[in-house]
Amino acid sequence: MNTLHSIGEVQQAKVLGARLAQIRIRKQLTQQQLADLAGLGLRTVQRLEIGEVSTQLVGFLKVCRVLGLSGRLDALIPEQSESPLERLKQQESPRRRVRLTKPSAPAVAWSWGDTR
């Protein structure tokens, strides 16, 4: 069994591409048919299946949709559940962005180098 979390990203792309090719073949689709159904070019499908890492995510998602795998994408990156305390904080003031904390002021006041 090949677990994806134990290998590097390039190898992960190759494994996922090979899996997509197996599913396509099982569904008796040619690469050209899959490309047409997904609205992609033939070369994009070929790149996905060999795990070429330059392929765009949108192309991958389109192929997943055509092969009937879209419903499984939630398992890939599940929605994060909030704790009751986080929900309460959200009701008070919904968070719209993440802000970095500013560095604290230096302990010694800054002055020009020519003043003594």
PDB file of N, CA and C in Angstrom:
ATOM      1  N   MET A   1       0.850  -1.188   0.000  1.00  0.00           N
ATOM      2  CA  MET A   1       0.000   0.000   0.000  1.00  0.00           C
ATOM      3  C   MET A   1       0.889   1.243   0.000  1.00  0.00           C
ATOM      4  N   ASN A   2       0.572   2.167  -0.862  1.00  0.00           N
ATOM      5  CA  ASN A   2       1.375   3.373  -1.004  1.00  0.00           C
ATOM      6  C   ASN A   2       0.700   4.517  -0.261  1.00  0.00           C
ATOM      7  N   THR A   3       1.293   4.955   0.833  1.00  0.00           N
ATOM      8  CA  THR A   3       0.721   6.078   1.568  1.00  0.00           C
ATOM      9  C   THR A   3       1.377   7.357   1.091  1.00  0.00           C
ATOM     10  N   LEU A   4       0.561   8.313   0.712  1.00  0.00           N
ATOM     11  CA  LEU A   4       1.064   9.541   0.108  1.00  0.00           C
ATOM     12  C   LEU A   4       1.812  10.432   1.081  1.00  0.00           C
ATOM     13  N   HIS A   5       1.485  10.373   2.360  1.00  0.00           N
ATOM     14  CA  HIS A   5       2.135  11.285   3.304  1.00  0.00           C
ATOM     15  C   HIS A   5       3.587  10.910   3.577  1.00  0.00           C
ATOM     16  N   SER A   6       4.006   9.722   3.169  1.00  0.00           N
ATOM     17  CA  SER A   6       5.372   9.293   3.469  1.00  0.00           C
ATOM     18  C   SER A   6       6.339   9.522   2.313  1.00  0.00           C
ATOM     19  N   ILE A   7       5.877  10.149   1.220  1.00  0.00           N
ATOM     20  CA  ILE A   7       6.746  10.390   0.069  1.00  0.00           C
ATOM     21  C   ILE A   7       6.751  11.875  -0.269  1.00  0.00           C
ATOM     22  N   GLY A   8       7.689  12.297  -1.093  1.00  0.00           N
ATOM     23  CA  GLY A   8       7.815  13.704  -1.471  1.00  0.00           C
ATOM     24  C   GLY A   8       6.730  14.152  -2.439  1.00  0.00           C
ATOM     25  N   GLU A   9       6.646  15.462  -2.649  1.00  0.00           N
ATOM     26  CA  GLU A   9       5.593  16.044  -3.472  1.00  0.00           C
ATOM     27  C   GLU A   9       5.653  15.580  -4.924  1.00  0.00           C
ATOM     28  N   VAL A  10       6.856  15.494  -5.487  1.00  0.00           N
ATOM     29  CA  VAL A  10       6.984  15.074  -6.884  1.00  0.00           C
ATOM     30  C   VAL A  10       6.490  13.641  -7.032  1.00  0.00           C
ATOM     31  N   GLN A  11       6.875  12.785  -6.107  1.00  0.00           N
ATOM     32  CA  GLN A  11       6.430  11.396  -6.147  1.00  0.00           C
ATOM     33  C   GLN A  11       4.923  11.305  -5.904  1.00  0.00           C
ATOM     34  N   GLN A  12       4.396  12.154  -5.031  1.00  0.00           N
ATOM     35  CA  GLN A  12       2.948  12.181  -4.792  1.00  0.00           C
ATOM     36  C   GLN A  12       2.201  12.501  -6.083  1.00  0.00           C
ATOM     37  N   ALA A  13       2.700  13.484  -6.838  1.00  0.00           N
ATOM     38  CA  ALA A  13       2.061  13.861  -8.099  1.00  0.00           C
ATOM     39  C   ALA A  13       2.064  12.689  -9.070  1.00  0.00           C
ATOM     40  N   LYS A  14       3.152  11.930  -9.094  1.00  0.00           N
ATOM     41  CA  LYS A  14       3.231  10.769  -9.990  1.00  0.00           C
ATOM     42  C   LYS A  14       2.253   9.680  -9.568  1.00  0.00           C
ATOM     43  N   VAL A  15       2.147   9.438  -8.279  1.00  0.00           N
ATOM     44  CA  VAL A  15       1.217   8.418  -7.784  1.00  0.00           C
ATOM     45  C   VAL A  15      -0.222   8.823  -8.088  1.00  0.00           C
ATOM     46  N   LEU A  16      -0.567  10.088  -7.809  1.00  0.00           N
ATOM     47  CA  LEU A  16      -1.926  10.560  -8.089  1.00  0.00           C
ATOM     48  C   LEU A  16      -2.230  10.508  -9.584  1.00  0.00           C
ATOM     49  N   GLY A  17      -1.264  10.871 -10.407  1.00  0.00           N
ATOM     50  CA  GLY A  17      -1.450  10.812 -11.853  1.00  0.00           C
ATOM     51  C   GLY A  17      -1.691   9.394 -12.334  1.00  0.00           C
ATOM     52  N   ALA A  18      -0.933   8.451 -11.797  1.00  0.00           N
ATOM     53  CA  ALA A  18      -1.114   7.047 -12.169  1.00  0.00           C
ATOM     54  C   ALA A  18      -2.493   6.549 -11.739  1.00  0.00           C
ATOM     55  N   ARG A  19      -2.948   6.993 -10.576  1.00  0.00           N
ATOM     56  CA  ARG A  19      -4.286   6.604 -10.109  1.00  0.00           C
ATOM     57  C   ARG A  19      -5.364   7.161 -11.035  1.00  0.00           C
ATOM     58  N   LEU A  20      -5.193   8.423 -11.466  1.00  0.00           N
ATOM     59  CA  LEU A  20      -6.157   9.010 -12.401  1.00  0.00           C
ATOM     60  C   LEU A  20      -6.184   8.224 -13.707  1.00  0.00           C
ATOM     61  N   ALA A  21      -5.020   7.818 -14.194  1.00  0.00           N
ATOM     62  CA  ALA A  21      -4.951   7.039 -15.431  1.00  0.00           C
ATOM     63  C   ALA A  21      -5.672   5.702 -15.263  1.00  0.00           C
ATOM     64  N   GLN A  22      -5.476   5.043 -14.124  1.00  0.00           N
ATOM     65  CA  GLN A  22      -6.148   3.763 -13.879  1.00  0.00           C
ATOM     66  C   GLN A  22      -7.666   3.934 -13.868  1.00  0.00           C
ATOM     67  N   ILE A  23      -8.147   4.991 -13.233  1.00  0.00           N
ATOM     68  CA  ILE A  23      -9.590   5.238 -13.180  1.00  0.00           C
ATOM     69  C   ILE A  23     -10.125   5.548 -14.571  1.00  0.00           C
ATOM     70  N   ARG A  24      -9.381   6.348 -15.336  1.00  0.00           N
ATOM     71  CA  ARG A  24      -9.799   6.677 -16.708  1.00  0.00           C
ATOM     72  C   ARG A  24      -9.927   5.412 -17.538  1.00  0.00           C
ATOM     73  N   ILE A  25      -8.939   4.530 -17.441  1.00  0.00           N
ATOM     74  CA  ILE A  25      -8.950   3.283 -18.210  1.00  0.00           C
ATOM     75  C   ILE A  25     -10.109   2.394 -17.759  1.00  0.00           C
ATOM     76  N   ARG A  26     -10.345   2.320 -16.451  1.00  0.00           N
ATOM     77  CA  ARG A  26     -11.453   1.522 -15.920  1.00  0.00           C
ATOM     78  C   ARG A  26     -12.795   2.032 -16.449  1.00  0.00           C
ATOM     79  N   LYS A  27     -12.895   3.345 -16.670  1.00  0.00           N
ATOM     80  CA  LYS A  27     -14.125   3.940 -17.202  1.00  0.00           C
ATOM     81  C   LYS A  27     -14.156   3.900 -18.732  1.00  0.00           C
ATOM     82  N   GLN A  28     -13.170   3.251 -19.322  1.00  0.00           N
ATOM     83  CA  GLN A  28     -13.054   3.064 -20.770  1.00  0.00           C
ATOM     84  C   GLN A  28     -13.083   4.382 -21.537  1.00  0.00           C
ATOM     85  N   LEU A  29     -12.285   5.337 -21.042  1.00  0.00           N
ATOM     86  CA  LEU A  29     -12.131   6.625 -21.714  1.00  0.00           C
ATOM     87  C   LEU A  29     -10.712   6.737 -22.251  1.00  0.00           C
ATOM     88  N   THR A  30     -10.581   7.299 -23.454  1.00  0.00           N
ATOM     89  CA  THR A  30      -9.245   7.615 -23.951  1.00  0.00           C
ATOM     90  C   THR A  30      -8.809   8.929 -23.319  1.00  0.00           C
ATOM     91  N   GLN A  31      -7.534   9.230 -23.432  1.00  0.00           N
ATOM     92  CA  GLN A  31      -7.052  10.513 -22.916  1.00  0.00           C
ATOM     93  C   GLN A  31      -7.733  11.665 -23.647  1.00  0.00           C
ATOM     94  N   GLN A  32      -7.939  11.508 -24.951  1.00  0.00           N
ATOM     95  CA  GLN A  32      -8.590  12.560 -25.732  1.00  0.00           C
ATOM     96  C   GLN A  32     -10.036  12.754 -25.292  1.00  0.00           C
ATOM     97  N   GLN A  33     -10.759  11.651 -25.047  1.00  0.00           N
ATOM     98  CA  GLN A  33     -12.143  11.763 -24.590  1.00  0.00           C
ATOM     99  C   GLN A  33     -12.216  12.469 -23.237  1.00  0.00           C
ATOM    100  N   LEU A  34     -11.315  12.094 -22.332  1.00  0.00           N
ATOM    101  CA  LEU A  34     -11.278  12.734 -21.020  1.00  0.00           C
ATOM    102  C   LEU A  34     -10.975  14.219 -21.161  1.00  0.00           C
ATOM    103  N   ALA A  35     -10.024  14.548 -22.018  1.00  0.00           N
ATOM    104  CA  ALA A  35      -9.669  15.953 -22.238  1.00  0.00           C
ATOM    105  C   ALA A  35     -10.872  16.735 -22.759  1.00  0.00           C
ATOM    106  N   ASP A  36     -11.589  16.164 -23.721  1.00  0.00           N
ATOM    107  CA  ASP A  36     -12.761  16.840 -24.286  1.00  0.00           C
ATOM    108  C   ASP A  36     -13.851  17.036 -23.237  1.00  0.00           C
ATOM    109  N   LEU A  37     -14.124  15.993 -22.453  1.00  0.00           N
ATOM    110  CA  LEU A  37     -15.169  16.078 -21.427  1.00  0.00           C
ATOM    111  C   LEU A  37     -14.813  17.075 -20.330  1.00  0.00           C
ATOM    112  N   ALA A  38     -13.523  17.181 -20.018  1.00  0.00           N
ATOM    113  CA  ALA A  38     -13.076  18.090 -18.957  1.00  0.00           C
ATOM    114  C   ALA A  38     -12.821  19.499 -19.475  1.00  0.00           C
ATOM    115  N   GLY A  39     -12.848  19.678 -20.785  1.00  0.00           N
ATOM    116  CA  GLY A  39     -12.574  20.995 -21.350  1.00  0.00           C
ATOM    117  C   GLY A  39     -11.103  21.357 -21.281  1.00  0.00           C
ATOM    118  N   LEU A  40     -10.250  20.343 -21.392  1.00  0.00           N
ATOM    119  CA  LEU A  40      -8.801  20.541 -21.315  1.00  0.00           C
ATOM    120  C   LEU A  40      -8.153  20.066 -22.598  1.00  0.00           C
ATOM    121  N   GLY A  41      -6.898  20.419 -22.769  1.00  0.00           N
ATOM    122  CA  GLY A  41      -6.139  19.922 -23.890  1.00  0.00           C
ATOM    123  C   GLY A  41      -5.624  18.515 -23.611  1.00  0.00           C
ATOM    124  N   LEU A  42      -5.372  17.773 -24.678  1.00  0.00           N
ATOM    125  CA  LEU A  42      -4.846  16.416 -24.542  1.00  0.00           C
ATOM    126  C   LEU A  42      -3.537  16.416 -23.767  1.00  0.00           C
ATOM    127  N   ARG A  43      -2.674  17.353 -24.057  1.00  0.00           N
ATOM    128  CA  ARG A  43      -1.365  17.414 -23.388  1.00  0.00           C
ATOM    129  C   ARG A  43      -1.523  17.641 -21.878  1.00  0.00           C
ATOM    130  N   THR A  44      -2.524  18.405 -21.464  1.00  0.00           N
ATOM    131  CA  THR A  44      -2.756  18.629 -20.035  1.00  0.00           C
ATOM    132  C   THR A  44      -3.109  17.324 -19.342  1.00  0.00           C
ATOM    133  N   VAL A  45      -3.983  16.528 -19.963  1.00  0.00           N
ATOM    134  CA  VAL A  45      -4.349  15.226 -19.389  1.00  0.00           C
ATOM    135  C   VAL A  45      -3.120  14.323 -19.335  1.00  0.00           C
ATOM    136  N   GLN A  46      -2.327  14.332 -20.390  1.00  0.00           N
ATOM    137  CA  GLN A  46      -1.111  13.511 -20.396  1.00  0.00           C
ATOM    138  C   GLN A  46      -0.172  13.927 -19.267  1.00  0.00           C
ATOM    139  N   ARG A  47      -0.019  15.218 -19.070  1.00  0.00           N
ATOM    140  CA  ARG A  47       0.850  15.713 -17.991  1.00  0.00           C
ATOM    141  C   ARG A  47       0.322  15.314 -16.617  1.00  0.00           C
ATOM    142  N   LEU A  48      -0.986  15.401 -16.439  1.00  0.00           N
ATOM    143  CA  LEU A  48      -1.575  14.985 -15.166  1.00  0.00           C
ATOM    144  C   LEU A  48      -1.276  13.518 -14.890  1.00  0.00           C
ATOM    145  N   GLU A  49      -1.439  12.684 -15.901  1.00  0.00           N
ATOM    146  CA  GLU A  49      -1.278  11.247 -15.709  1.00  0.00           C
ATOM    147  C   GLU A  49       0.165  10.830 -15.461  1.00  0.00           C
ATOM    148  N   ILE A  50       1.118  11.599 -15.947  1.00  0.00           N
ATOM    149  CA  ILE A  50       2.518  11.248 -15.658  1.00  0.00           C
ATOM    150  C   ILE A  50       3.026  11.966 -14.415  1.00  0.00           C
ATOM    151  N   GLY A  51       2.165  12.804 -13.833  1.00  0.00           N
ATOM    152  CA  GLY A  51       2.534  13.473 -12.591  1.00  0.00           C
ATOM    153  C   GLY A  51       3.438  14.661 -12.781  1.00  0.00           C
ATOM    154  N   GLU A  52       3.352  15.289 -13.944  1.00  0.00           N
ATOM    155  CA  GLU A  52       4.168  16.480 -14.182  1.00  0.00           C
ATOM    156  C   GLU A  52       3.675  17.591 -13.263  1.00  0.00           C
ATOM    157  N   VAL A  53       4.561  18.106 -12.449  1.00  0.00           N
ATOM    158  CA  VAL A  53       4.154  19.012 -11.378  1.00  0.00           C
ATOM    159  C   VAL A  53       3.749  20.401 -11.854  1.00  0.00           C
ATOM    160  N   SER A  54       3.988  20.735 -13.100  1.00  0.00           N
ATOM    161  CA  SER A  54       3.626  22.071 -13.571  1.00  0.00           C
ATOM    162  C   SER A  54       2.145  22.176 -13.940  1.00  0.00           C
ATOM    163  N   THR A  55       1.406  21.078 -13.865  1.00  0.00           N
ATOM    164  CA  THR A  55      -0.006  21.099 -14.207  1.00  0.00           C
ATOM    165  C   THR A  55      -0.781  21.926 -13.191  1.00  0.00           C
ATOM    166  N   GLN A  56      -1.741  22.693 -13.677  1.00  0.00           N
ATOM    167  CA  GLN A  56      -2.517  23.554 -12.786  1.00  0.00           C
ATOM    168  C   GLN A  56      -3.562  22.761 -12.017  1.00  0.00           C
ATOM    169  N   LEU A  57      -3.884  23.247 -10.845  1.00  0.00           N
ATOM    170  CA  LEU A  57      -4.865  22.606  -9.978  1.00  0.00           C
ATOM    171  C   LEU A  57      -6.238  22.551 -10.639  1.00  0.00           C
ATOM    172  N   VAL A  58      -6.601  23.572 -11.396  1.00  0.00           N
ATOM    173  CA  VAL A  58      -7.911  23.604 -12.046  1.00  0.00           C
ATOM    174  C   VAL A  58      -8.057  22.425 -13.005  1.00  0.00           C
ATOM    175  N   GLY A  59      -7.010  22.126 -13.739  1.00  0.00           N
ATOM    176  CA  GLY A  59      -7.048  20.977 -14.647  1.00  0.00           C
ATOM    177  C   GLY A  59      -7.255  19.679 -13.891  1.00  0.00           C
ATOM    178  N   PHE A  60      -6.564  19.539 -12.781  1.00  0.00           N
ATOM    179  CA  PHE A  60      -6.713  18.357 -11.934  1.00  0.00           C
ATOM    180  C   PHE A  60      -8.155  18.228 -11.446  1.00  0.00           C
ATOM    181  N   LEU A  61      -8.736  19.339 -11.003  1.00  0.00           N
ATOM    182  CA  LEU A  61     -10.105  19.320 -10.494  1.00  0.00           C
ATOM    183  C   LEU A  61     -11.113  18.985 -11.592  1.00  0.00           C
ATOM    184  N   LYS A  62     -10.883  19.477 -12.799  1.00  0.00           N
ATOM    185  CA  LYS A  62     -11.782  19.167 -13.911  1.00  0.00           C
ATOM    186  C   LYS A  62     -11.750  17.684 -14.239  1.00  0.00           C
ATOM    187  N   VAL A  63     -10.549  17.106 -14.249  1.00  0.00           N
ATOM    188  CA  VAL A  63     -10.421  15.669 -14.514  1.00  0.00           C
ATOM    189  C   VAL A  63     -11.112  14.873 -13.409  1.00  0.00           C
ATOM    190  N   CYS A  64     -10.947  15.285 -12.165  1.00  0.00           N
ATOM    191  CA  CYS A  64     -11.618  14.606 -11.045  1.00  0.00           C
ATOM    192  C   CYS A  64     -13.134  14.652 -11.208  1.00  0.00           C
ATOM    193  N   ARG A  65     -13.652  15.790 -11.657  1.00  0.00           N
ATOM    194  CA  ARG A  65     -15.098  15.920 -11.859  1.00  0.00           C
ATOM    195  C   ARG A  65     -15.583  14.942 -12.921  1.00  0.00           C
ATOM    196  N   VAL A  66     -14.891  14.880 -14.066  1.00  0.00           N
ATOM    197  CA  VAL A  66     -15.300  13.996 -15.153  1.00  0.00           C
ATOM    198  C   VAL A  66     -15.225  12.533 -14.725  1.00  0.00           C
ATOM    199  N   LEU A  67     -14.227  12.184 -13.930  1.00  0.00           N
ATOM    200  CA  LEU A  67     -14.063  10.798 -13.490  1.00  0.00           C
ATOM    201  C   LEU A  67     -14.937  10.455 -12.284  1.00  0.00           C
ATOM    202  N   GLY A  68     -15.734  11.403 -11.816  1.00  0.00           N
ATOM    203  CA  GLY A  68     -16.641  11.142 -10.708  1.00  0.00           C
ATOM    204  C   GLY A  68     -15.969  11.133  -9.345  1.00  0.00           C
ATOM    205  N   LEU A  69     -14.863  11.844  -9.210  1.00  0.00           N
ATOM    206  CA  LEU A  69     -14.118  11.863  -7.952  1.00  0.00           C
ATOM    207  C   LEU A  69     -14.331  13.138  -7.148  1.00  0.00           C
ATOM    208  N   SER A  70     -15.141  14.054  -7.646  1.00  0.00           N
ATOM    209  CA  SER A  70     -15.318  15.340  -6.965  1.00  0.00           C
ATOM    210  C   SER A  70     -15.858  15.180  -5.556  1.00  0.00           C
ATOM    211  N   GLY A  71     -16.725  14.212  -5.347  1.00  0.00           N
ATOM    212  CA  GLY A  71     -17.300  14.000  -4.028  1.00  0.00           C
ATOM    213  C   GLY A  71     -16.283  13.581  -2.987  1.00  0.00           C
ATOM    214  N   ARG A  72     -15.156  13.076  -3.422  1.00  0.00           N
ATOM    215  CA  ARG A  72     -14.122  12.619  -2.494  1.00  0.00           C
ATOM    216  C   ARG A  72     -13.123  13.712  -2.132  1.00  0.00           C
ATOM    217  N   LEU A  73     -13.224  14.856  -2.769  1.00  0.00           N
ATOM    218  CA  LEU A  73     -12.251  15.919  -2.517  1.00  0.00           C
ATOM    219  C   LEU A  73     -12.368  16.492  -1.111  1.00  0.00           C
ATOM    220  N   ASP A  74     -13.551  16.406  -0.516  1.00  0.00           N
ATOM    221  CA  ASP A  74     -13.705  16.876   0.863  1.00  0.00           C
ATOM    222  C   ASP A  74     -12.837  16.078   1.820  1.00  0.00           C
ATOM    223  N   ALA A  75     -12.620  14.816   1.518  1.00  0.00           N
ATOM    224  CA  ALA A  75     -11.765  13.990   2.380  1.00  0.00           C
ATOM    225  C   ALA A  75     -10.309  14.422   2.272  1.00  0.00           C
ATOM    226  N   LEU A  76      -9.948  15.014   1.133  1.00  0.00           N
ATOM    227  CA  LEU A  76      -8.572  15.464   0.927  1.00  0.00           C
ATOM    228  C   LEU A  76      -8.218  16.604   1.874  1.00  0.00           C
ATOM    229  N   ILE A  77      -9.069  17.612   1.914  1.00  0.00           N
ATOM    230  CA  ILE A  77      -8.869  18.752   2.814  1.00  0.00           C
ATOM    231  C   ILE A  77     -10.206  19.007   3.498  1.00  0.00           C
ATOM    232  N   PRO A  78     -10.449  18.353   4.638  1.00  0.00           N
ATOM    233  CA  PRO A  78     -11.749  18.493   5.293  1.00  0.00           C
ATOM    234  C   PRO A  78     -11.959  19.893   5.859  1.00  0.00           C
ATOM    235  N   GLU A  79     -13.224  20.277   5.932  1.00  0.00           N
ATOM    236  CA  GLU A  79     -13.577  21.566   6.521  1.00  0.00           C
ATOM    237  C   GLU A  79     -13.232  21.532   8.006  1.00  0.00           C
ATOM    238  N   GLN A  80     -12.675  22.609   8.477  1.00  0.00           N
ATOM    239  CA  GLN A  80     -12.261  22.681   9.875  1.00  0.00           C
ATOM    240  C   GLN A  80     -13.453  23.034  10.746  1.00  0.00           C
ATOM    241  N   SER A  81     -13.651  22.270  11.812  1.00  0.00           N
ATOM    242  CA  SER A  81     -14.752  22.569  12.724  1.00  0.00           C
ATOM    243  C   SER A  81     -14.267  23.536  13.799  1.00  0.00           C
ATOM    244  N   GLU A  82     -15.180  24.357  14.252  1.00  0.00           N
ATOM    245  CA  GLU A  82     -14.840  25.353  15.269  1.00  0.00           C
ATOM    246  C   GLU A  82     -15.267  24.856  16.643  1.00  0.00           C
ATOM    247  N   SER A  83     -14.506  25.230  17.626  1.00  0.00           N
ATOM    248  CA  SER A  83     -14.889  24.918  18.999  1.00  0.00           C
ATOM    249  C   SER A  83     -15.993  25.886  19.421  1.00  0.00           C
ATOM    250  N   PRO A  84     -16.771  25.547  20.447  1.00  0.00           N
ATOM    251  CA  PRO A  84     -17.816  26.472  20.912  1.00  0.00           C
ATOM    252  C   PRO A  84     -17.264  27.845  21.288  1.00  0.00           C
ATOM    253  N   LEU A  85     -16.072  27.885  21.869  1.00  0.00           N
ATOM    254  CA  LEU A  85     -15.468  29.167  22.231  1.00  0.00           C
ATOM    255  C   LEU A  85     -15.143  29.991  20.986  1.00  0.00           C
ATOM    256  N   GLU A  86     -14.625  29.339  19.941  1.00  0.00           N
ATOM    257  CA  GLU A  86     -14.331  30.055  18.697  1.00  0.00           C
ATOM    258  C   GLU A  86     -15.610  30.588  18.066  1.00  0.00           C
ATOM    259  N   ARG A  87     -16.694  29.802  18.120  1.00  0.00           N
ATOM    260  CA  ARG A  87     -17.975  30.249  17.582  1.00  0.00           C
ATOM    261  C   ARG A  87     -18.484  31.483  18.310  1.00  0.00           C
ATOM    262  N   LEU A  88     -18.322  31.500  19.614  1.00  0.00           N
ATOM    263  CA  LEU A  88     -18.745  32.649  20.412  1.00  0.00           C
ATOM    264  C   LEU A  88     -17.947  33.893  20.027  1.00  0.00           C
ATOM    265  N   LYS A  89     -16.639  33.733  19.837  1.00  0.00           N
ATOM    266  CA  LYS A  89     -15.803  34.863  19.417  1.00  0.00           C
ATOM    267  C   LYS A  89     -16.218  35.357  18.036  1.00  0.00           C
ATOM    268  N   GLN A  90     -16.593  34.442  17.140  1.00  0.00           N
ATOM    269  CA  GLN A  90     -17.017  34.825  15.797  1.00  0.00           C
ATOM    270  C   GLN A  90     -18.293  35.658  15.836  1.00  0.00           C
ATOM    271  N   GLN A  91     -19.197  35.345  16.762  1.00  0.00           N
ATOM    272  CA  GLN A  91     -20.443  36.096  16.869  1.00  0.00           C
ATOM    273  C   GLN A  91     -20.180  37.522  17.316  1.00  0.00           C
ATOM    274  N   GLU A  92     -19.184  37.710  18.163  1.00  0.00           N
ATOM    275  CA  GLU A  92     -18.857  39.044  18.660  1.00  0.00           C
ATOM    276  C   GLU A  92     -18.305  39.917  17.541  1.00  0.00           C
ATOM    277  N   SER A  93     -17.296  39.465  16.894  1.00  0.00           N
ATOM    278  CA  SER A  93     -16.708  40.220  15.786  1.00  0.00           C
ATOM    279  C   SER A  93     -16.077  39.232  14.807  1.00  0.00           C
ATOM    280  N   PRO A  94     -16.691  39.052  13.652  1.00  0.00           N
ATOM    281  CA  PRO A  94     -16.152  38.098  12.690  1.00  0.00           C
ATOM    282  C   PRO A  94     -14.766  38.513  12.204  1.00  0.00           C
ATOM    283  N   ARG A  95     -13.870  37.573  12.170  1.00  0.00           N
ATOM    284  CA  ARG A  95     -12.498  37.842  11.749  1.00  0.00           C
ATOM    285  C   ARG A  95     -12.437  37.895  10.233  1.00  0.00           C
ATOM    286  N   ARG A  96     -11.837  38.929   9.706  1.00  0.00           N
ATOM    287  CA  ARG A  96     -11.779  39.116   8.266  1.00  0.00           C
ATOM    288  C   ARG A  96     -10.384  38.916   7.691  1.00  0.00           C
ATOM    289  N   ARG A  97      -9.373  39.035   8.518  1.00  0.00           N
ATOM    290  CA  ARG A  97      -8.004  38.870   8.024  1.00  0.00           C
ATOM    291  C   ARG A  97      -7.081  38.499   9.166  1.00  0.00           C
ATOM    292  N   VAL A  98      -5.909  38.056   8.794  1.00  0.00           N
ATOM    293  CA  VAL A  98      -4.871  37.739   9.770  1.00  0.00           C
ATOM    294  C   VAL A  98      -3.866  38.873   9.734  1.00  0.00           C
ATOM    295  N   ARG A  99      -3.552  39.397  10.878  1.00  0.00           N
ATOM    296  CA  ARG A  99      -2.586  40.491  10.951  1.00  0.00           C
ATOM    297  C   ARG A  99      -1.368  40.035  11.716  1.00  0.00           C
ATOM    298  N   LEU A 100      -0.228  40.434  11.221  1.00  0.00           N
ATOM    299  CA  LEU A 100       1.013  40.132  11.911  1.00  0.00           C
ATOM    300  C   LEU A 100       1.191  41.102  13.060  1.00  0.00           C
ATOM    301  N   THR A 101       1.768  40.633  14.136  1.00  0.00           N
ATOM    302  CA  THR A 101       2.011  41.527  15.269  1.00  0.00           C
ATOM    303  C   THR A 101       3.206  42.410  14.955  1.00  0.00           C
ATOM    304  N   LYS A 102       3.109  43.653  15.367  1.00  0.00           N
ATOM    305  CA  LYS A 102       4.204  44.590  15.132  1.00  0.00           C
ATOM    306  C   LYS A 102       5.309  44.322  16.139  1.00  0.00           C
ATOM    307  N   PRO A 103       6.563  44.473  15.702  1.00  0.00           N
ATOM    308  CA  PRO A 103       7.655  44.280  16.663  1.00  0.00           C
ATOM    309  C   PRO A 103       7.600  45.360  17.739  1.00  0.00           C
ATOM    310  N   SER A 104       8.007  45.003  18.927  1.00  0.00           N
ATOM    311  CA  SER A 104       7.965  45.971  20.026  1.00  0.00           C
ATOM    312  C   SER A 104       9.024  47.054  19.812  1.00  0.00           C
ATOM    313  N   ALA A 105       8.811  48.197  20.426  1.00  0.00           N
ATOM    314  CA  ALA A 105       9.734  49.328  20.300  1.00  0.00           C
ATOM    315  C   ALA A 105      11.068  48.966  20.943  1.00  0.00           C
ATOM    316  N   PRO A 106      12.167  49.451  20.384  1.00  0.00           N
ATOM    317  CA  PRO A 106      13.473  49.140  20.973  1.00  0.00           C
ATOM    318  C   PRO A 106      13.592  49.728  22.380  1.00  0.00           C
ATOM    319  N   ALA A 107      14.378  49.083  23.210  1.00  0.00           N
ATOM    320  CA  ALA A 107      14.546  49.521  24.601  1.00  0.00           C
ATOM    321  C   ALA A 107      15.262  50.864  24.677  1.00  0.00           C
ATOM    322  N   VAL A 108      16.175  51.124  23.755  1.00  0.00           N
ATOM    323  CA  VAL A 108      16.926  52.381  23.743  1.00  0.00           C
ATOM    324  C   VAL A 108      16.351  53.258  22.641  1.00  0.00           C
ATOM    325  N   ALA A 109      16.107  54.522  22.946  1.00  0.00           N
ATOM    326  CA  ALA A 109      15.573  55.438  21.949  1.00  0.00           C
ATOM    327  C   ALA A 109      16.596  55.642  20.845  1.00  0.00           C
ATOM    328  N   TRP A 110      16.124  55.709  19.622  1.00  0.00           N
ATOM    329  CA  TRP A 110      16.996  55.880  18.469  1.00  0.00           C
ATOM    330  C   TRP A 110      17.412  57.337  18.348  1.00  0.00           C
ATOM    331  N   SER A 111      18.641  57.568  17.934  1.00  0.00           N
ATOM    332  CA  SER A 111      19.105  58.937  17.696  1.00  0.00           C
ATOM    333  C   SER A 111      20.077  58.922  16.533  1.00  0.00           C
ATOM    334  N   TRP A 112      20.295  60.110  15.957  1.00  0.00           N
ATOM    335  CA  TRP A 112      21.228  60.239  14.852  1.00  0.00           C
ATOM    336  C   TRP A 112      22.628  59.902  15.334  1.00  0.00           C
ATOM    337  N   GLY A 113      23.443  59.392  14.437  1.00  0.00           N
ATOM    338  CA  GLY A 113      24.794  58.994  14.799  1.00  0.00           C
ATOM    339  C   GLY A 113      25.717  60.151  15.129  1.00  0.00           C
ATOM    340  N   ASP A 114      25.415  61.392  14.651  1.00  0.00           N
ATOM    341  CA  ASP A 114      26.330  62.506  14.892  1.00  0.00           C
ATOM    342  C   ASP A 114      26.030  63.253  16.194  1.00  0.00           C
ATOM    343  N   THR A 115      24.967  62.928  16.885  1.00  0.00           N
ATOM    344  CA  THR A 115      24.700  63.584  18.170  1.00  0.00           C
ATOM    345  C   THR A 115      25.294  62.758  19.297  1.00  0.00           C
ATOM    346  N   ARG A 116      25.845  63.479  20.285  1.00  0.00           N
ATOM    347  CA  ARG A 116      26.500  62.744  21.380  1.00  0.00           C
ATOM    348  C   ARG A 116      26.000  63.170  22.698  1.00  0.00           C
TER     349      ARG A 116
END
